Amino acid sequence: MIAVRGLAKSFGALRAVSDLDFDVRPGQVTSIIGPNGAGKSTVFNLIAGTIRPDAGRVELDGRDVTALAPHALAQLGLARSFQISNLFFGLTVLENVRLACQARAPRKRFLARLDRDRALADRARAILAEFAIADLADEPAANLSHGDQRRLEIAVCMASQPRVLLLDEPTQGLSVEETAQAVDTLARFLQASRMTVLLVEHDMEVVFRLAHRITVLHRGAVIADGAPDQVKADPRVQDAYLGGLD
């Protein structure tokens, strides 16, 4: 679903990403891991269209999307979450999700008020129920705990019905209990939806719980790529990052 070919990016004298190749397969969760400074965030932002590469290309389902801006990628079905919650904090939980539903809703009557569309509201409530925050529907997003805000942000992403979801550190800042709840919710949803996901996550327990495939970066280059058990056993990965997972 996503193909990265020859991707390169420098910031001044710093070579952040160098001649990078990897694939994100349809219906699977692929995780990018690596030590600090490995180039994970740069790769993520290159795919999301936030920054432009110096060389190489990004393909979405066979189409070259390297030069497209984030809003154009969203129209093609690519959604992303952020390390810092990115919500409409003055709106309620339900309103945040309903707005995302509206993005995919056909406009039958141009002047009709979408906030009175029963079908959109029902769909938004169903998504909230999937993420176990339906009881917070009428609560302003600003009043939620950090963990519930993270769950809401992912629910908003899902509401836009993406073909590919980019998850950027979805458990950052969560407590151990909140992380466990978030991962359980994500695992259930992703197993049921078979959505294509690219995950950047520092918590190895989360990665090995969710990922079908792992790509390991070190100094902007791929040093390992494969199933979680293969990556965990790779001496280069243990030396560079994981530090004795066995």
C-alpha atoms as a PDB file:
ATOM      1  CA  MET A   1       0.000   0.000   0.000  1.00  0.00           C
ATOM      2  CA  ILE A   2       2.949   2.314   0.715  1.00  0.00           C
ATOM      3  CA  ALA A   3       6.245   1.913  -1.127  1.00  0.00           C
ATOM      4  CA  VAL A   4       9.284   4.006  -0.176  1.00  0.00           C
ATOM      5  CA  ARG A   5      12.052   4.020  -2.784  1.00  0.00           C
ATOM      6  CA  GLY A   6      15.453   5.704  -2.525  1.00  0.00           C
ATOM      7  CA  LEU A   7      14.200   8.244   0.000  1.00  0.00           C
ATOM      8  CA  ALA A   8      16.815  10.729   1.238  1.00  0.00           C
ATOM      9  CA  LYS A   9      16.686  13.854   3.376  1.00  0.00           C
ATOM     10  CA  SER A  10      19.373  16.083   4.839  1.00  0.00           C
ATOM     11  CA  PHE A  11      19.157  19.042   7.197  1.00  0.00           C
ATOM     12  CA  GLY A  12      22.275  21.024   6.505  1.00  0.00           C
ATOM     13  CA  ALA A  13      25.230  18.722   7.132  1.00  0.00           C
ATOM     14  CA  LEU A  14      23.034  16.149   8.900  1.00  0.00           C
ATOM     15  CA  ARG A  15      22.022  13.202   6.728  1.00  0.00           C
ATOM     16  CA  ALA A  16      18.758  12.206   8.435  1.00  0.00           C
ATOM     17  CA  VAL A  17      17.597   9.607   5.873  1.00  0.00           C
ATOM     18  CA  SER A  18      19.802   7.888   3.308  1.00  0.00           C
ATOM     19  CA  ASP A  19      18.608   5.918   0.250  1.00  0.00           C
ATOM     20  CA  LEU A  20      15.717   4.338   2.150  1.00  0.00           C
ATOM     21  CA  ASP A  21      13.604   1.472   0.760  1.00  0.00           C
ATOM     22  CA  PHE A  22      10.764  -0.337   2.519  1.00  0.00           C
ATOM     23  CA  ASP A  23       7.122  -1.356   2.038  1.00  0.00           C
ATOM     24  CA  VAL A  24       3.928  -1.159   4.062  1.00  0.00           C
ATOM     25  CA  ARG A  25       1.756  -4.082   3.048  1.00  0.00           C
ATOM     26  CA  PRO A  26      -2.055  -3.869   2.737  1.00  0.00           C
ATOM     27  CA  GLY A  27      -3.999  -4.929   5.806  1.00  0.00           C
ATOM     28  CA  GLN A  28      -0.940  -5.089   8.042  1.00  0.00           C
ATOM     29  CA  VAL A  29       0.591  -3.010  10.824  1.00  0.00           C
ATOM     30  CA  THR A  30       4.167  -2.055   9.961  1.00  0.00           C
ATOM     31  CA  SER A  31       6.220  -0.400  12.682  1.00  0.00           C
ATOM     32  CA  ILE A  32       9.321   1.756  12.307  1.00  0.00           C
ATOM     33  CA  ILE A  33      11.680   1.543  15.276  1.00  0.00           C
ATOM     34  CA  GLY A  34      15.201   2.682  16.034  1.00  0.00           C
ATOM     35  CA  PRO A  35      17.285   4.577  18.585  1.00  0.00           C
ATOM     36  CA  ASN A  36      16.990   8.327  19.062  1.00  0.00           C
ATOM     37  CA  GLY A  37      18.258  10.102  15.950  1.00  0.00           C
ATOM     38  CA  ALA A  38      17.662   7.082  13.712  1.00  0.00           C
ATOM     39  CA  GLY A  39      15.428   9.087  11.378  1.00  0.00           C
ATOM     40  CA  LYS A  40      11.998   7.711  12.383  1.00  0.00           C
ATOM     41  CA  SER A  41      10.223  11.058  12.662  1.00  0.00           C
ATOM     42  CA  THR A  42      11.807  12.314   9.451  1.00  0.00           C
ATOM     43  CA  VAL A  43      10.621   9.248   7.523  1.00  0.00           C
ATOM     44  CA  PHE A  44       7.152   9.587   9.022  1.00  0.00           C
ATOM     45  CA  ASN A  45       6.925  13.250   8.030  1.00  0.00           C
ATOM     46  CA  LEU A  46       8.222  12.523   4.523  1.00  0.00           C
ATOM     47  CA  ILE A  47       5.466   9.954   4.000  1.00  0.00           C
ATOM     48  CA  ALA A  48       2.840  12.245   5.539  1.00  0.00           C
ATOM     49  CA  GLY A  49       3.799  15.078   3.171  1.00  0.00           C
ATOM     50  CA  THR A  50       4.871  17.417   5.955  1.00  0.00           C
ATOM     51  CA  ILE A  51       8.382  17.743   4.527  1.00  0.00           C
ATOM     52  CA  ARG A  52       9.774  17.074   1.052  1.00  0.00           C
ATOM     53  CA  PRO A  53      12.598  14.609   0.331  1.00  0.00           C
ATOM     54  CA  ASP A  54      15.845  15.567  -1.358  1.00  0.00           C
ATOM     55  CA  ALA A  55      15.653  12.383  -3.438  1.00  0.00           C
ATOM     56  CA  GLY A  56      13.492   9.311  -3.879  1.00  0.00           C
ATOM     57  CA  ARG A  57       9.750   8.844  -3.894  1.00  0.00           C
ATOM     58  CA  VAL A  58       6.750   7.701  -1.870  1.00  0.00           C
ATOM     59  CA  GLU A  59       3.996   5.686  -3.543  1.00  0.00           C
ATOM     60  CA  LEU A  60       0.471   5.152  -2.257  1.00  0.00           C
ATOM     61  CA  ASP A  61      -1.159   2.099  -3.820  1.00  0.00           C
ATOM     62  CA  GLY A  62       1.107   2.435  -6.870  1.00  0.00           C
ATOM     63  CA  ARG A  63       0.661   6.200  -7.289  1.00  0.00           C
ATOM     64  CA  ASP A  64       3.600   8.566  -6.808  1.00  0.00           C
ATOM     65  CA  VAL A  65       2.486  10.950  -4.048  1.00  0.00           C
ATOM     66  CA  THR A  66       5.899  12.388  -3.146  1.00  0.00           C
ATOM     67  CA  ALA A  67       4.992  15.973  -4.051  1.00  0.00           C
ATOM     68  CA  LEU A  68       1.503  15.997  -2.527  1.00  0.00           C
ATOM     69  CA  ALA A  69       0.600  18.166   0.463  1.00  0.00           C
ATOM     70  CA  PRO A  70      -0.992  16.620   3.590  1.00  0.00           C
ATOM     71  CA  HIS A  71      -4.527  17.720   2.648  1.00  0.00           C
ATOM     72  CA  ALA A  72      -4.181  16.104  -0.781  1.00  0.00           C
ATOM     73  CA  LEU A  73      -2.937  12.889   0.830  1.00  0.00           C
ATOM     74  CA  ALA A  74      -5.925  12.978   3.176  1.00  0.00           C
ATOM     75  CA  GLN A  75      -8.238  13.120   0.169  1.00  0.00           C
ATOM     76  CA  LEU A  76      -6.546   9.970  -1.140  1.00  0.00           C
ATOM     77  CA  GLY A  77      -7.257   8.203   2.143  1.00  0.00           C
ATOM     78  CA  LEU A  78      -4.136   8.744   4.253  1.00  0.00           C
ATOM     79  CA  ALA A  79      -4.782   9.838   7.850  1.00  0.00           C
ATOM     80  CA  ARG A  80      -2.293  10.517  10.621  1.00  0.00           C
ATOM     81  CA  SER A  81      -2.185  11.065  14.348  1.00  0.00           C
ATOM     82  CA  PHE A  82       0.325  13.302  16.099  1.00  0.00           C
ATOM     83  CA  GLN A  83       2.635  12.975  19.106  1.00  0.00           C
ATOM     84  CA  ILE A  84       0.775  15.914  20.647  1.00  0.00           C
ATOM     85  CA  SER A  85      -3.014  15.599  20.657  1.00  0.00           C
ATOM     86  CA  ASN A  86      -4.459  17.493  17.701  1.00  0.00           C
ATOM     87  CA  LEU A  87      -8.153  18.038  18.443  1.00  0.00           C
ATOM     88  CA  PHE A  88     -10.800  20.763  18.489  1.00  0.00           C
ATOM     89  CA  PHE A  89     -10.606  21.260  22.230  1.00  0.00           C
ATOM     90  CA  GLY A  90     -13.552  23.669  22.345  1.00  0.00           C
ATOM     91  CA  LEU A  91     -15.880  21.088  20.794  1.00  0.00           C
ATOM     92  CA  THR A  92     -17.371  18.032  22.421  1.00  0.00           C
ATOM     93  CA  VAL A  93     -16.050  14.522  21.913  1.00  0.00           C
ATOM     94  CA  LEU A  94     -18.998  13.703  19.655  1.00  0.00           C
ATOM     95  CA  GLU A  95     -18.539  16.885  17.601  1.00  0.00           C
ATOM     96  CA  ASN A  96     -14.862  16.077  16.987  1.00  0.00           C
ATOM     97  CA  VAL A  97     -15.710  12.656  15.581  1.00  0.00           C
ATOM     98  CA  ARG A  98     -18.769  13.881  13.673  1.00  0.00           C
ATOM     99  CA  LEU A  99     -16.649  16.476  11.865  1.00  0.00           C
ATOM    100  CA  ALA A 100     -14.344  13.674  10.675  1.00  0.00           C
ATOM    101  CA  CYS A 101     -17.377  11.680   9.526  1.00  0.00           C
ATOM    102  CA  GLN A 102     -18.566  14.719   7.551  1.00  0.00           C
ATOM    103  CA  ALA A 103     -15.361  14.719   5.530  1.00  0.00           C
ATOM    104  CA  ARG A 104     -16.457  11.441   3.908  1.00  0.00           C
ATOM    105  CA  ALA A 105     -20.193  12.155   3.764  1.00  0.00           C
ATOM    106  CA  PRO A 106     -21.703  12.960   0.351  1.00  0.00           C
ATOM    107  CA  ARG A 107     -23.464  16.338   0.267  1.00  0.00           C
ATOM    108  CA  LYS A 108     -26.996  15.747  -0.936  1.00  0.00           C
ATOM    109  CA  ARG A 109     -28.240  19.213  -0.017  1.00  0.00           C
ATOM    110  CA  PHE A 110     -25.589  21.909  -0.101  1.00  0.00           C
ATOM    111  CA  LEU A 111     -27.313  24.236   2.375  1.00  0.00           C
ATOM    112  CA  ALA A 112     -28.428  21.513   4.797  1.00  0.00           C
ATOM    113  CA  ARG A 113     -27.047  21.675   8.354  1.00  0.00           C
ATOM    114  CA  LEU A 114     -24.780  18.672   8.844  1.00  0.00           C
ATOM    115  CA  ASP A 115     -24.917  18.987  12.623  1.00  0.00           C
ATOM    116  CA  ARG A 116     -28.549  17.857  12.356  1.00  0.00           C
ATOM    117  CA  ASP A 117     -27.778  14.827  10.210  1.00  0.00           C
ATOM    118  CA  ARG A 118     -28.917  11.831  12.269  1.00  0.00           C
ATOM    119  CA  ALA A 119     -26.910   9.318  10.224  1.00  0.00           C
ATOM    120  CA  LEU A 120     -23.644  11.206  10.841  1.00  0.00           C
ATOM    121  CA  ALA A 121     -24.335  11.464  14.558  1.00  0.00           C
ATOM    122  CA  ASP A 122     -25.206   7.761  14.779  1.00  0.00           C
ATOM    123  CA  ARG A 123     -21.997   6.808  12.975  1.00  0.00           C
ATOM    124  CA  ALA A 124     -19.944   9.073  15.241  1.00  0.00           C
ATOM    125  CA  ARG A 125     -21.504   7.497  18.349  1.00  0.00           C
ATOM    126  CA  ALA A 126     -20.773   4.002  17.011  1.00  0.00           C
ATOM    127  CA  ILE A 127     -17.091   4.923  16.569  1.00  0.00           C
ATOM    128  CA  LEU A 128     -16.958   6.338  20.096  1.00  0.00           C
ATOM    129  CA  ALA A 129     -18.387   3.075  21.373  1.00  0.00           C
ATOM    130  CA  GLU A 130     -15.664   1.108  19.562  1.00  0.00           C
ATOM    131  CA  PHE A 131     -13.044   3.158  21.377  1.00  0.00           C
ATOM    132  CA  ALA A 132     -14.839   2.942  24.739  1.00  0.00           C
ATOM    133  CA  ILE A 133     -15.442   6.685  25.084  1.00  0.00           C
ATOM    134  CA  ALA A 134     -19.162   6.824  24.213  1.00  0.00           C
ATOM    135  CA  ASP A 135     -19.948   7.907  27.769  1.00  0.00           C
ATOM    136  CA  LEU A 136     -17.867  11.048  27.139  1.00  0.00           C
ATOM    137  CA  ALA A 137     -19.746  12.090  23.989  1.00  0.00           C
ATOM    138  CA  ASP A 138     -21.023  15.394  25.392  1.00  0.00           C
ATOM    139  CA  GLU A 139     -17.825  16.295  27.240  1.00  0.00           C
ATOM    140  CA  PRO A 140     -15.599  19.055  25.793  1.00  0.00           C
ATOM    141  CA  ALA A 141     -12.412  17.509  24.437  1.00  0.00           C
ATOM    142  CA  ALA A 142     -10.373  19.894  26.598  1.00  0.00           C
ATOM    143  CA  ASN A 143     -11.766  18.250  29.744  1.00  0.00           C
ATOM    144  CA  LEU A 144     -10.597  14.737  28.885  1.00  0.00           C
ATOM    145  CA  SER A 145      -7.640  13.011  30.475  1.00  0.00           C
ATOM    146  CA  HIS A 146      -4.547  12.716  28.320  1.00  0.00           C
ATOM    147  CA  GLY A 147      -5.275   9.041  27.720  1.00  0.00           C
ATOM    148  CA  ASP A 148      -8.841   9.723  26.600  1.00  0.00           C
ATOM    149  CA  GLN A 149      -7.639  12.531  24.328  1.00  0.00           C
ATOM    150  CA  ARG A 150      -5.252  10.080  22.636  1.00  0.00           C
ATOM    151  CA  ARG A 151      -8.080   7.589  22.143  1.00  0.00           C
ATOM    152  CA  LEU A 152     -10.309  10.350  20.789  1.00  0.00           C
ATOM    153  CA  GLU A 153      -7.653  11.435  18.298  1.00  0.00           C
ATOM    154  CA  ILE A 154      -7.366   7.913  16.918  1.00  0.00           C
ATOM    155  CA  ALA A 155     -11.170   7.661  16.782  1.00  0.00           C
ATOM    156  CA  VAL A 156     -11.196  10.895  14.739  1.00  0.00           C
ATOM    157  CA  CYS A 157      -8.654   9.373  12.347  1.00  0.00           C
ATOM    158  CA  MET A 158     -10.765   6.244  11.963  1.00  0.00           C
ATOM    159  CA  ALA A 159     -13.916   8.288  11.360  1.00  0.00           C
ATOM    160  CA  SER A 160     -12.412   9.669   8.158  1.00  0.00           C
ATOM    161  CA  GLN A 161     -12.352   6.077   6.795  1.00  0.00           C
ATOM    162  CA  PRO A 162      -8.686   6.140   5.755  1.00  0.00           C
ATOM    163  CA  ARG A 163      -7.091   3.570   3.504  1.00  0.00           C
ATOM    164  CA  VAL A 164      -3.834   4.016   5.426  1.00  0.00           C
ATOM    165  CA  LEU A 165      -3.373   5.235   8.993  1.00  0.00           C
ATOM    166  CA  LEU A 166      -0.102   6.742  10.210  1.00  0.00           C
ATOM    167  CA  LEU A 167       0.194   6.477  13.988  1.00  0.00           C
ATOM    168  CA  ASP A 168       2.868   8.680  15.537  1.00  0.00           C
ATOM    169  CA  GLU A 169       3.740   7.575  19.095  1.00  0.00           C
ATOM    170  CA  PRO A 170       0.105   6.815  20.057  1.00  0.00           C
ATOM    171  CA  THR A 171       1.047   5.901  23.656  1.00  0.00           C
ATOM    172  CA  GLN A 172       3.353   8.844  24.341  1.00  0.00           C
ATOM    173  CA  GLY A 173       2.623  10.389  27.717  1.00  0.00           C
ATOM    174  CA  LEU A 174       0.257   7.620  28.800  1.00  0.00           C
ATOM    175  CA  SER A 175       0.472   5.793  32.101  1.00  0.00           C
ATOM    176  CA  VAL A 176       1.064   2.050  32.149  1.00  0.00           C
ATOM    177  CA  GLU A 177      -2.669   1.453  32.666  1.00  0.00           C
ATOM    178  CA  GLU A 178      -3.669   3.921  29.940  1.00  0.00           C
ATOM    179  CA  THR A 179      -1.164   2.346  27.545  1.00  0.00           C
ATOM    180  CA  ALA A 180      -2.597  -1.120  28.166  1.00  0.00           C
ATOM    181  CA  GLN A 181      -6.138   0.146  27.543  1.00  0.00           C
ATOM    182  CA  ALA A 182      -5.131   1.999  24.380  1.00  0.00           C
ATOM    183  CA  VAL A 183      -3.267  -1.000  22.967  1.00  0.00           C
ATOM    184  CA  ASP A 184      -6.162  -3.372  23.725  1.00  0.00           C
ATOM    185  CA  THR A 185      -8.577  -1.031  21.943  1.00  0.00           C
ATOM    186  CA  LEU A 186      -6.272  -0.588  18.967  1.00  0.00           C
ATOM    187  CA  ALA A 187      -5.562  -4.301  18.685  1.00  0.00           C
ATOM    188  CA  ARG A 188      -9.274  -5.165  18.616  1.00  0.00           C
ATOM    189  CA  PHE A 189     -10.089  -2.471  16.085  1.00  0.00           C
ATOM    190  CA  LEU A 190      -7.188  -3.213  13.759  1.00  0.00           C
ATOM    191  CA  GLN A 191      -7.834  -6.930  13.824  1.00  0.00           C
ATOM    192  CA  ALA A 192     -11.471  -6.366  12.884  1.00  0.00           C
ATOM    193  CA  SER A 193     -10.840  -3.684  10.250  1.00  0.00           C
ATOM    194  CA  ARG A 194      -7.666  -5.103   8.649  1.00  0.00           C
ATOM    195  CA  MET A 195      -6.580  -1.498   8.147  1.00  0.00           C
ATOM    196  CA  THR A 196      -3.142  -0.699   6.738  1.00  0.00           C
ATOM    197  CA  VAL A 197      -1.111   1.052   9.450  1.00  0.00           C
ATOM    198  CA  LEU A 198       2.351   2.582   9.715  1.00  0.00           C
ATOM    199  CA  LEU A 199       3.295   2.873  13.383  1.00  0.00           C
ATOM    200  CA  VAL A 200       6.135   4.834  14.961  1.00  0.00           C
ATOM    201  CA  GLU A 201       6.361   3.889  18.628  1.00  0.00           C
ATOM    202  CA  HIS A 202       9.107   3.893  21.263  1.00  0.00           C
ATOM    203  CA  ASP A 203       7.459   1.316  23.548  1.00  0.00           C
ATOM    204  CA  MET A 204       8.697  -2.077  22.377  1.00  0.00           C
ATOM    205  CA  GLU A 205       5.905  -3.962  24.157  1.00  0.00           C
ATOM    206  CA  VAL A 206       3.380  -1.962  22.119  1.00  0.00           C
ATOM    207  CA  VAL A 207       5.293  -2.598  18.901  1.00  0.00           C
ATOM    208  CA  PHE A 208       5.543  -6.339  19.408  1.00  0.00           C
ATOM    209  CA  ARG A 209       1.860  -6.511  20.379  1.00  0.00           C
ATOM    210  CA  LEU A 210       0.544  -4.674  17.311  1.00  0.00           C
ATOM    211  CA  ALA A 211       3.024  -5.034  14.450  1.00  0.00           C
ATOM    212  CA  HIS A 212       2.984  -7.716  11.772  1.00  0.00           C
ATOM    213  CA  ARG A 213       6.236  -6.366  10.357  1.00  0.00           C
ATOM    214  CA  ILE A 214       9.005  -4.172  11.748  1.00  0.00           C
ATOM    215  CA  THR A 215      11.472  -1.955   9.912  1.00  0.00           C
ATOM    216  CA  VAL A 216      14.493  -0.951  12.000  1.00  0.00           C
ATOM    217  CA  LEU A 217      16.366   2.263  11.256  1.00  0.00           C
ATOM    218  CA  HIS A 218      19.842   3.225  12.369  1.00  0.00           C
ATOM    219  CA  ARG A 219      21.440   6.489  11.271  1.00  0.00           C
ATOM    220  CA  GLY A 220      18.814   6.961   8.576  1.00  0.00           C
ATOM    221  CA  ALA A 221      19.192   3.547   6.936  1.00  0.00           C
ATOM    222  CA  VAL A 222      17.383   0.204   7.261  1.00  0.00           C
ATOM    223  CA  ILE A 223      19.388  -2.374   9.204  1.00  0.00           C
ATOM    224  CA  ALA A 224      16.621  -4.973   9.575  1.00  0.00           C
ATOM    225  CA  ASP A 225      13.162  -5.627   8.181  1.00  0.00           C
ATOM    226  CA  GLY A 226      10.875  -8.561   8.852  1.00  0.00           C
ATOM    227  CA  ALA A 227       8.498 -10.289  11.242  1.00  0.00           C
ATOM    228  CA  PRO A 228       8.755  -9.312  14.940  1.00  0.00           C
ATOM    229  CA  ASP A 229      10.487 -12.549  15.989  1.00  0.00           C
ATOM    230  CA  GLN A 230      13.078 -12.183  13.213  1.00  0.00           C
ATOM    231  CA  VAL A 231      13.798  -8.585  14.173  1.00  0.00           C
ATOM    232  CA  LYS A 232      13.988  -9.375  17.875  1.00  0.00           C
ATOM    233  CA  ALA A 233      16.606 -12.072  17.206  1.00  0.00           C
ATOM    234  CA  ASP A 234      18.740  -9.989  14.839  1.00  0.00           C
ATOM    235  CA  PRO A 235      22.142  -9.210  16.474  1.00  0.00           C
ATOM    236  CA  ARG A 236      22.410  -5.899  14.604  1.00  0.00           C
ATOM    237  CA  VAL A 237      19.113  -4.758  16.092  1.00  0.00           C
ATOM    238  CA  GLN A 238      20.112  -5.826  19.592  1.00  0.00           C
ATOM    239  CA  ASP A 239      23.397  -3.971  19.268  1.00  0.00           C
ATOM    240  CA  ALA A 240      21.817  -0.829  17.841  1.00  0.00           C
ATOM    241  CA  TYR A 241      18.675  -0.541  19.867  1.00  0.00           C
ATOM    242  CA  LEU A 242      16.868  -3.320  21.658  1.00  0.00           C
ATOM    243  CA  GLY A 243      19.597  -4.395  24.033  1.00  0.00           C
ATOM    244  CA  GLY A 244      18.942  -8.015  24.831  1.00  0.00           C
ATOM    245  CA  LEU A 245      15.250  -8.665  24.407  1.00  0.00           C
ATOM    246  CA  ASP A 246      15.772 -12.441  24.460  1.00  0.00           C
END
